[in-house]
Amino acid sequence: MKRTWEFAVAGFFLFFILGVLAVAFLTLDDRNDLVTEHYYDAEIQYQQQIDRVDRTKALNEQPSIELVAEGVRIRFPKDFQRGDLTGTVHVYRPDDKRLDLMIPIGPDSANRQLIPIGLLQPGSWNVQVMWNGRSVGYYSEGKFLVGSTR
């Protein structure tokens, strides 16, 4: 009498074990980048961020962040002098922190700053502008898609 059921059970367990090992090795290569490394510290300081956003909304002229052919153009309100503006522009990819950029604010005579498109790979980008004018903090942000993601 043949005992093929023993080989079927052994084959099933072997196939199951190989499947579990394959999934384990495939997930080892998966990256899970956080948007910020120290998010607990960032959460504690969030009230200051809310105050910056409220002050920005109260301005007569709102700053703008837009994608143009040359790159990302940031326009600051005309109420502020070019020399009064300090701060940083954080341009980041939510899916790959290795592509993030931190650029100091340096507007031209028309209170605009351009981040060249050559610095940005195709994909989804977020821009956070944290700036100071007349010793008061402000904040604005934008999201956009560069090129084709195919």
Protein backbone atom coordinates (compact mmCIF):
# COMPACT_ATOMS: atom_id res chain seq x y z
CA MET A 1 0.00 0.00 0.00
CA LYS A 2 1.32 3.46 -0.95
CA ARG A 3 1.83 6.15 1.65
CA THR A 4 1.67 9.28 -0.48
CA TRP A 5 -0.07 11.27 2.26
CA GLU A 6 3.16 11.37 4.28
CA PHE A 7 4.97 13.03 1.38
CA ALA A 8 2.07 15.44 0.86
CA VAL A 9 2.14 16.56 4.52
CA ALA A 10 5.95 16.93 4.48
CA GLY A 11 5.76 18.86 1.19
CA PHE A 12 3.09 21.17 2.60
CA PHE A 13 5.18 21.99 5.69
CA LEU A 14 8.32 22.50 3.59
CA PHE A 15 6.42 24.83 1.24
CA PHE A 16 4.97 26.75 4.22
CA ILE A 17 8.39 27.19 5.87
CA LEU A 18 9.98 28.36 2.61
CA GLY A 19 7.13 30.83 2.13
CA VAL A 20 7.56 32.30 5.62
CA LEU A 21 11.33 32.64 5.09
CA ALA A 22 10.80 34.33 1.71
CA VAL A 23 8.42 36.90 3.22
CA ALA A 24 10.85 37.54 6.10
CA PHE A 25 13.77 38.19 3.74
CA LEU A 26 11.69 40.42 1.46
CA THR A 27 10.55 42.63 4.36
CA LEU A 28 14.10 43.11 5.65
CA ASP A 29 14.76 45.35 2.63
CA ASP A 30 11.71 47.57 3.31
CA ARG A 31 12.50 51.09 4.65
CA ASN A 32 10.16 52.94 6.97
CA ASP A 33 11.43 56.51 7.20
CA LEU A 34 9.86 58.84 9.72
CA VAL A 35 9.09 62.36 8.58
CA THR A 36 11.10 63.60 11.53
CA GLU A 37 13.54 61.62 13.67
CA HIS A 38 12.55 63.15 17.01
CA TYR A 39 8.81 63.40 16.66
CA TYR A 40 8.10 63.41 20.39
CA ASP A 41 10.19 66.56 20.86
CA ALA A 42 8.47 68.11 17.84
CA GLU A 43 5.06 67.36 19.34
CA ILE A 44 5.95 69.15 22.59
CA GLN A 45 6.91 72.31 20.68
CA TYR A 46 3.82 72.24 18.48
CA GLN A 47 2.07 75.12 20.28
CA GLN A 48 4.75 77.46 18.98
CA GLN A 49 4.01 76.12 15.52
CA ILE A 50 0.29 76.84 15.93
CA ASP A 51 1.14 80.41 16.93
CA ARG A 52 3.31 80.84 13.81
CA VAL A 53 0.50 79.57 11.57
CA ASP A 54 -2.02 81.91 13.23
CA ARG A 55 0.29 84.91 12.74
CA THR A 56 0.78 83.96 9.08
CA LYS A 57 -2.98 83.75 8.52
CA ALA A 58 -3.40 87.20 10.07
CA LEU A 59 -1.06 88.86 7.53
CA ASN A 60 -2.58 91.22 4.94
CA GLU A 61 -0.73 89.43 2.15
CA GLN A 62 -0.20 85.68 2.35
CA PRO A 63 3.08 84.06 1.33
CA SER A 64 2.86 81.64 -1.58
CA ILE A 65 4.66 78.46 -2.57
CA GLU A 66 4.20 77.35 -6.16
CA LEU A 67 5.78 75.01 -8.66
CA VAL A 68 6.94 76.77 -11.82
CA ALA A 69 9.03 75.53 -14.74
CA GLU A 70 12.27 76.77 -13.12
CA GLY A 71 11.56 75.18 -9.73
CA VAL A 72 9.74 75.99 -6.53
CA ARG A 73 9.06 79.69 -6.11
CA ILE A 74 8.40 81.09 -2.64
CA ARG A 75 6.98 84.59 -2.47
CA PHE A 76 7.10 86.43 0.84
CA PRO A 77 4.73 89.32 1.70
CA LYS A 78 5.83 92.74 0.47
CA ASP A 79 5.33 94.19 3.96
CA PHE A 80 8.66 92.67 4.97
CA GLN A 81 12.05 94.01 3.98
CA ARG A 82 14.41 91.57 2.30
CA GLY A 83 17.00 92.03 5.04
CA ASP A 84 14.43 91.33 7.76
CA LEU A 85 13.69 87.81 6.51
CA THR A 86 15.55 84.90 8.07
CA GLY A 87 14.73 81.25 8.51
CA THR A 88 14.80 77.97 6.61
CA VAL A 89 13.02 76.19 3.79
CA HIS A 90 12.66 72.45 4.38
CA VAL A 91 11.96 70.63 1.11
CA TYR A 92 11.37 66.95 1.74
CA ARG A 93 10.13 63.72 0.24
CA PRO A 94 7.82 61.88 2.64
CA ASP A 95 8.97 58.54 1.24
CA ASP A 96 12.76 59.07 1.19
CA LYS A 97 14.53 61.29 3.73
CA ARG A 98 17.83 60.97 1.83
CA LEU A 99 16.48 63.47 -0.73
CA ASP A 100 15.52 66.12 1.85
CA LEU A 101 16.89 69.65 1.48
CA MET A 102 17.31 72.33 4.15
CA ILE A 103 17.88 75.71 2.50
CA PRO A 104 18.40 79.05 4.28
CA ILE A 105 16.00 81.82 3.33
CA GLY A 106 17.58 84.29 0.94
CA PRO A 107 14.96 86.22 -1.05
CA ASP A 108 15.75 88.43 -4.03
CA SER A 109 14.80 92.12 -4.32
CA ALA A 110 11.17 91.16 -5.10
CA ASN A 111 10.91 89.06 -1.89
CA ARG A 112 10.96 85.80 -3.86
CA GLN A 113 13.17 82.77 -3.54
CA LEU A 114 13.61 80.03 -6.14
CA ILE A 115 14.63 76.47 -5.43
CA PRO A 116 15.94 75.10 -8.76
CA ILE A 117 14.03 72.18 -10.27
CA GLY A 118 17.35 70.39 -10.84
CA LEU A 119 17.60 69.73 -7.09
CA LEU A 120 14.30 67.82 -7.06
CA GLN A 121 13.79 64.32 -8.41
CA PRO A 122 10.41 63.34 -9.85
CA GLY A 123 7.84 62.55 -7.18
CA SER A 124 5.79 64.04 -4.37
CA TRP A 125 7.42 66.87 -2.37
CA ASN A 126 6.45 68.89 0.70
CA VAL A 127 7.78 72.38 1.42
CA GLN A 128 7.82 73.90 4.89
CA VAL A 129 8.91 77.53 5.20
CA MET A 130 9.68 78.66 8.73
CA TRP A 131 10.66 82.31 8.62
CA ASN A 132 11.13 85.29 10.86
CA GLY A 133 10.29 88.85 9.95
CA ARG A 134 10.69 91.75 12.38
CA SER A 135 11.71 89.23 15.08
CA VAL A 136 8.36 87.39 14.84
CA GLY A 137 8.01 83.80 13.61
CA TYR A 138 5.80 82.74 10.69
CA TYR A 139 5.14 79.44 8.91
CA SER A 140 3.71 78.31 5.60
CA GLU A 141 3.74 75.05 3.70
CA GLY A 142 2.86 73.52 0.38
CA LYS A 143 2.75 70.19 -1.44
CA PHE A 144 3.38 69.49 -5.08
CA LEU A 145 4.31 66.81 -7.61
CA VAL A 146 7.48 67.13 -9.68
CA GLY A 147 7.65 65.45 -13.07
CA SER A 148 6.44 61.97 -13.77
CA THR A 149 6.52 59.24 -11.13
CA ARG A 150 6.47 56.46 -13.73
